[in-house]
Amino acid sequence: KMKKEFGVKLLSEVNEIVLNKFINLNRKKLSNTTINHYLSLLSVVVNTARDEWGAITNKVKIWRFRLEQPDENIKFFKDWKTIEKIISKAPPHLKLVIFIGIYSGLRQGNILNLKWEQIDFVNKTFNLKVKSRRYAGGKNLIIPIADVLIKILKDTPRFNDYVINYQGRPIKSIDSSWYNIFYN
């Protein structure tokens, strides 16, 4: 099905022209979110084929073709009132953790270890290296940042290299703060 959707027979045929053609042909019938899902899937297939199986592919950066999605499409909870209640009860240092988690889908460990140098404000992306069983030293991930989160991050004071701090020091764990939101 992927071959048909992108109009290619071989992964080595995937290039900027193919991606632009795919986007232009589908813009009117598919949402930006659906197009981005196709692009993400293609990216995984191309990268796995090249990195794991030694296939010859073009070094096209598929993530650069992602279309802008409205912030309201980035949802991980069905009930925004619950999220608002959690945020209202959270201490200030935990609110940033929650916002990053909600708007990026990053895991707690990635959020707590996030450094300012990993945020590209121009391209609106997080540039992370995450643990991987398949890649020695970890795998590089580039994750888009929603505009609402860009604003929050720009308004966050910088105490050191780490984004998440409490009293000017990087946070190692949020377990007790998280517990207090729900049980105090």
Protein backbone atom coordinates (compact mmCIF):
# COMPACT_ATOMS: atom_id res chain seq x y z
CA LYS A 1 0.00 0.00 0.00
CA MET A 2 2.87 2.40 0.79
CA LYS A 3 4.27 1.92 -2.73
CA LYS A 4 0.90 2.87 -4.19
CA GLU A 5 0.39 5.88 -1.89
CA PHE A 6 3.80 7.38 -2.68
CA GLY A 7 3.94 6.21 -6.29
CA VAL A 8 7.26 4.36 -6.00
CA LYS A 9 8.40 0.80 -6.53
CA LEU A 10 11.69 1.01 -4.62
CA LEU A 11 12.70 2.85 -1.45
CA SER A 12 15.64 4.30 -3.38
CA GLU A 13 13.10 6.28 -5.41
CA VAL A 14 11.90 8.23 -2.37
CA ASN A 15 13.15 11.80 -2.72
CA GLU A 16 11.98 15.40 -2.32
CA ILE A 17 10.02 15.32 -5.58
CA VAL A 18 8.12 12.17 -4.55
CA LEU A 19 7.29 13.65 -1.15
CA ASN A 20 6.10 16.97 -2.60
CA LYS A 21 3.97 15.15 -5.17
CA PHE A 22 2.42 12.96 -2.45
CA ILE A 23 1.58 16.00 -0.32
CA ASN A 24 0.16 18.03 -3.21
CA LEU A 25 -2.01 15.14 -4.46
CA ASN A 26 -3.43 14.42 -0.99
CA ARG A 27 -3.81 17.87 0.57
CA LYS A 28 -7.45 18.24 -0.41
CA LYS A 29 -8.60 14.75 0.55
CA LEU A 30 -6.49 14.06 3.67
CA SER A 31 -5.93 16.11 6.82
CA ASN A 32 -2.46 17.41 7.65
CA THR A 33 -2.40 14.96 10.56
CA THR A 34 -3.09 11.99 8.28
CA ILE A 35 -0.44 13.13 5.79
CA ASN A 36 2.03 13.45 8.68
CA HIS A 37 1.20 9.90 9.79
CA TYR A 38 2.01 8.62 6.30
CA LEU A 39 5.26 10.58 6.30
CA SER A 40 6.21 9.24 9.74
CA LEU A 41 5.56 5.68 8.64
CA LEU A 42 7.57 6.18 5.46
CA SER A 43 10.42 7.66 7.49
CA VAL A 44 10.52 4.61 9.75
CA VAL A 45 10.49 2.25 6.76
CA VAL A 46 13.23 4.14 4.88
CA ASN A 47 15.46 4.55 7.95
CA THR A 48 15.06 0.92 9.01
CA ALA A 49 15.78 -0.33 5.49
CA ARG A 50 18.93 1.83 5.28
CA ASP A 51 20.24 1.45 8.84
CA GLU A 52 19.26 -2.14 9.61
CA TRP A 53 19.20 -3.90 6.26
CA GLY A 54 21.80 -1.92 4.34
CA ALA A 55 19.34 -0.86 1.62
CA ILE A 56 20.34 1.99 -0.66
CA THR A 57 18.10 5.01 -0.03
CA ASN A 58 18.29 8.73 -0.63
CA LYS A 59 19.29 10.70 2.45
CA VAL A 60 16.09 12.74 2.37
CA LYS A 61 14.97 14.25 5.67
CA ILE A 62 11.32 13.23 5.55
CA TRP A 63 10.46 14.99 8.83
CA ARG A 64 11.08 18.34 7.11
CA PHE A 65 8.01 17.72 4.95
CA ARG A 66 5.65 17.44 7.90
CA LEU A 67 2.70 19.78 7.62
CA GLU A 68 1.59 22.13 10.35
CA GLN A 69 -1.09 20.67 12.56
CA PRO A 70 -3.42 22.75 14.71
CA ASP A 71 -2.50 22.45 18.38
CA GLU A 72 -5.95 21.09 19.19
CA ASN A 73 -5.11 17.99 17.10
CA ILE A 74 -2.31 17.07 19.48
CA LYS A 75 -4.27 15.17 22.10
CA PHE A 76 -3.32 12.45 24.51
CA PHE A 77 -6.26 12.84 26.88
CA LYS A 78 -9.96 12.75 26.08
CA ASP A 79 -10.95 15.14 28.83
CA TRP A 80 -9.20 18.54 28.88
CA LYS A 81 -10.96 19.45 32.13
CA THR A 82 -8.99 16.71 33.86
CA ILE A 83 -5.75 18.06 32.45
CA GLU A 84 -6.63 21.59 33.55
CA LYS A 85 -7.38 20.29 37.05
CA ILE A 86 -4.02 18.47 37.20
CA ILE A 87 -2.17 21.56 35.97
CA SER A 88 -3.94 23.84 38.43
CA LYS A 89 -2.89 21.60 41.36
CA ALA A 90 0.69 21.15 40.12
CA PRO A 91 3.56 23.18 41.59
CA PRO A 92 5.18 25.57 39.08
CA HIS A 93 8.21 23.36 38.37
CA LEU A 94 5.94 20.41 37.52
CA LYS A 95 3.66 22.41 35.20
CA LEU A 96 6.42 22.67 32.59
CA VAL A 97 6.94 18.88 32.75
CA ILE A 98 3.21 18.37 32.17
CA PHE A 99 3.06 20.84 29.28
CA ILE A 100 6.06 19.26 27.54
CA GLY A 101 4.54 15.80 28.04
CA ILE A 102 1.13 16.82 26.73
CA TYR A 103 2.35 18.73 23.69
CA SER A 104 5.27 16.49 22.67
CA GLY A 105 4.52 13.00 23.92
CA LEU A 106 8.03 12.77 25.39
CA ARG A 107 8.58 10.34 28.22
CA GLN A 108 9.35 11.51 31.74
CA GLY A 109 13.04 10.63 31.54
CA ASN A 110 13.48 12.52 28.27
CA ILE A 111 11.70 15.54 29.71
CA LEU A 112 13.73 15.64 32.92
CA ASN A 113 17.00 15.25 30.97
CA LEU A 114 16.04 17.81 28.31
CA LYS A 115 18.71 20.47 27.77
CA TRP A 116 18.28 23.87 26.15
CA GLU A 117 20.76 22.93 23.43
CA GLN A 118 18.34 20.18 22.31
CA ILE A 119 15.63 22.71 21.47
CA ASP A 120 15.69 24.24 18.01
CA PHE A 121 13.43 27.28 18.31
CA VAL A 122 13.88 28.21 14.63
CA ASN A 123 12.72 24.84 13.24
CA LYS A 124 10.44 24.21 16.24
CA THR A 125 11.90 20.79 17.07
CA PHE A 126 13.37 18.80 19.94
CA ASN A 127 16.60 17.08 18.86
CA LEU A 128 17.06 14.13 21.19
CA LYS A 129 19.18 11.03 21.50
CA VAL A 130 17.17 8.22 23.08
CA LYS A 131 18.15 4.77 24.26
CA SER A 132 17.88 2.08 21.64
CA ARG A 133 18.66 -1.61 21.57
CA ARG A 134 19.36 -1.36 17.86
CA TYR A 135 21.63 1.69 17.78
CA ALA A 136 24.87 1.83 19.75
CA GLY A 137 24.94 5.08 21.71
CA GLY A 138 21.23 5.72 21.13
CA LYS A 139 19.00 6.88 18.33
CA ASN A 140 18.57 10.49 17.19
CA LEU A 141 14.98 11.73 17.24
CA ILE A 142 13.63 14.98 15.89
CA ILE A 143 10.23 15.81 17.37
CA PRO A 144 8.15 18.79 16.27
CA ILE A 145 7.16 21.32 18.92
CA ALA A 146 3.66 22.84 18.94
CA ASP A 147 3.50 26.64 18.82
CA VAL A 148 1.85 26.82 22.24
CA LEU A 149 4.79 24.88 23.74
CA ILE A 150 7.33 27.08 21.94
CA LYS A 151 5.81 30.10 23.71
CA ILE A 152 5.91 28.34 27.10
CA LEU A 153 9.55 27.33 26.58
CA LYS A 154 10.58 30.83 25.48
CA ASP A 155 8.99 32.22 28.67
CA THR A 156 10.81 29.69 30.89
CA PRO A 157 13.79 31.09 32.82
CA ARG A 158 17.17 29.45 32.21
CA PHE A 159 19.05 28.54 35.38
CA ASN A 160 21.49 26.06 33.83
CA ASP A 161 21.78 23.66 30.86
CA TYR A 162 18.60 21.78 31.87
CA VAL A 163 15.10 22.94 30.97
CA ILE A 164 13.41 21.42 34.04
CA ASN A 165 14.61 22.85 37.35
CA TYR A 166 13.49 23.25 40.93
CA GLN A 167 15.12 26.03 42.94
CA GLY A 168 17.73 26.42 40.20
CA ARG A 169 18.77 22.76 40.15
CA PRO A 170 17.93 20.01 37.63
CA ILE A 171 15.15 17.67 38.76
CA LYS A 172 15.96 13.97 38.97
CA SER A 173 12.47 12.72 39.87
CA ILE A 174 8.93 14.06 39.99
CA ASP A 175 7.47 11.12 41.91
CA SER A 176 6.70 12.94 45.16
CA SER A 177 5.38 16.07 43.41
CA TRP A 178 3.21 13.93 41.13
CA TYR A 179 1.91 11.95 44.13
CA ASN A 180 1.00 15.18 45.95
CA ILE A 181 -1.16 16.37 43.04
CA PHE A 182 -3.45 13.36 43.36
CA TYR A 183 -3.33 12.49 47.04
CA ASN A 184 -2.99 15.79 48.92
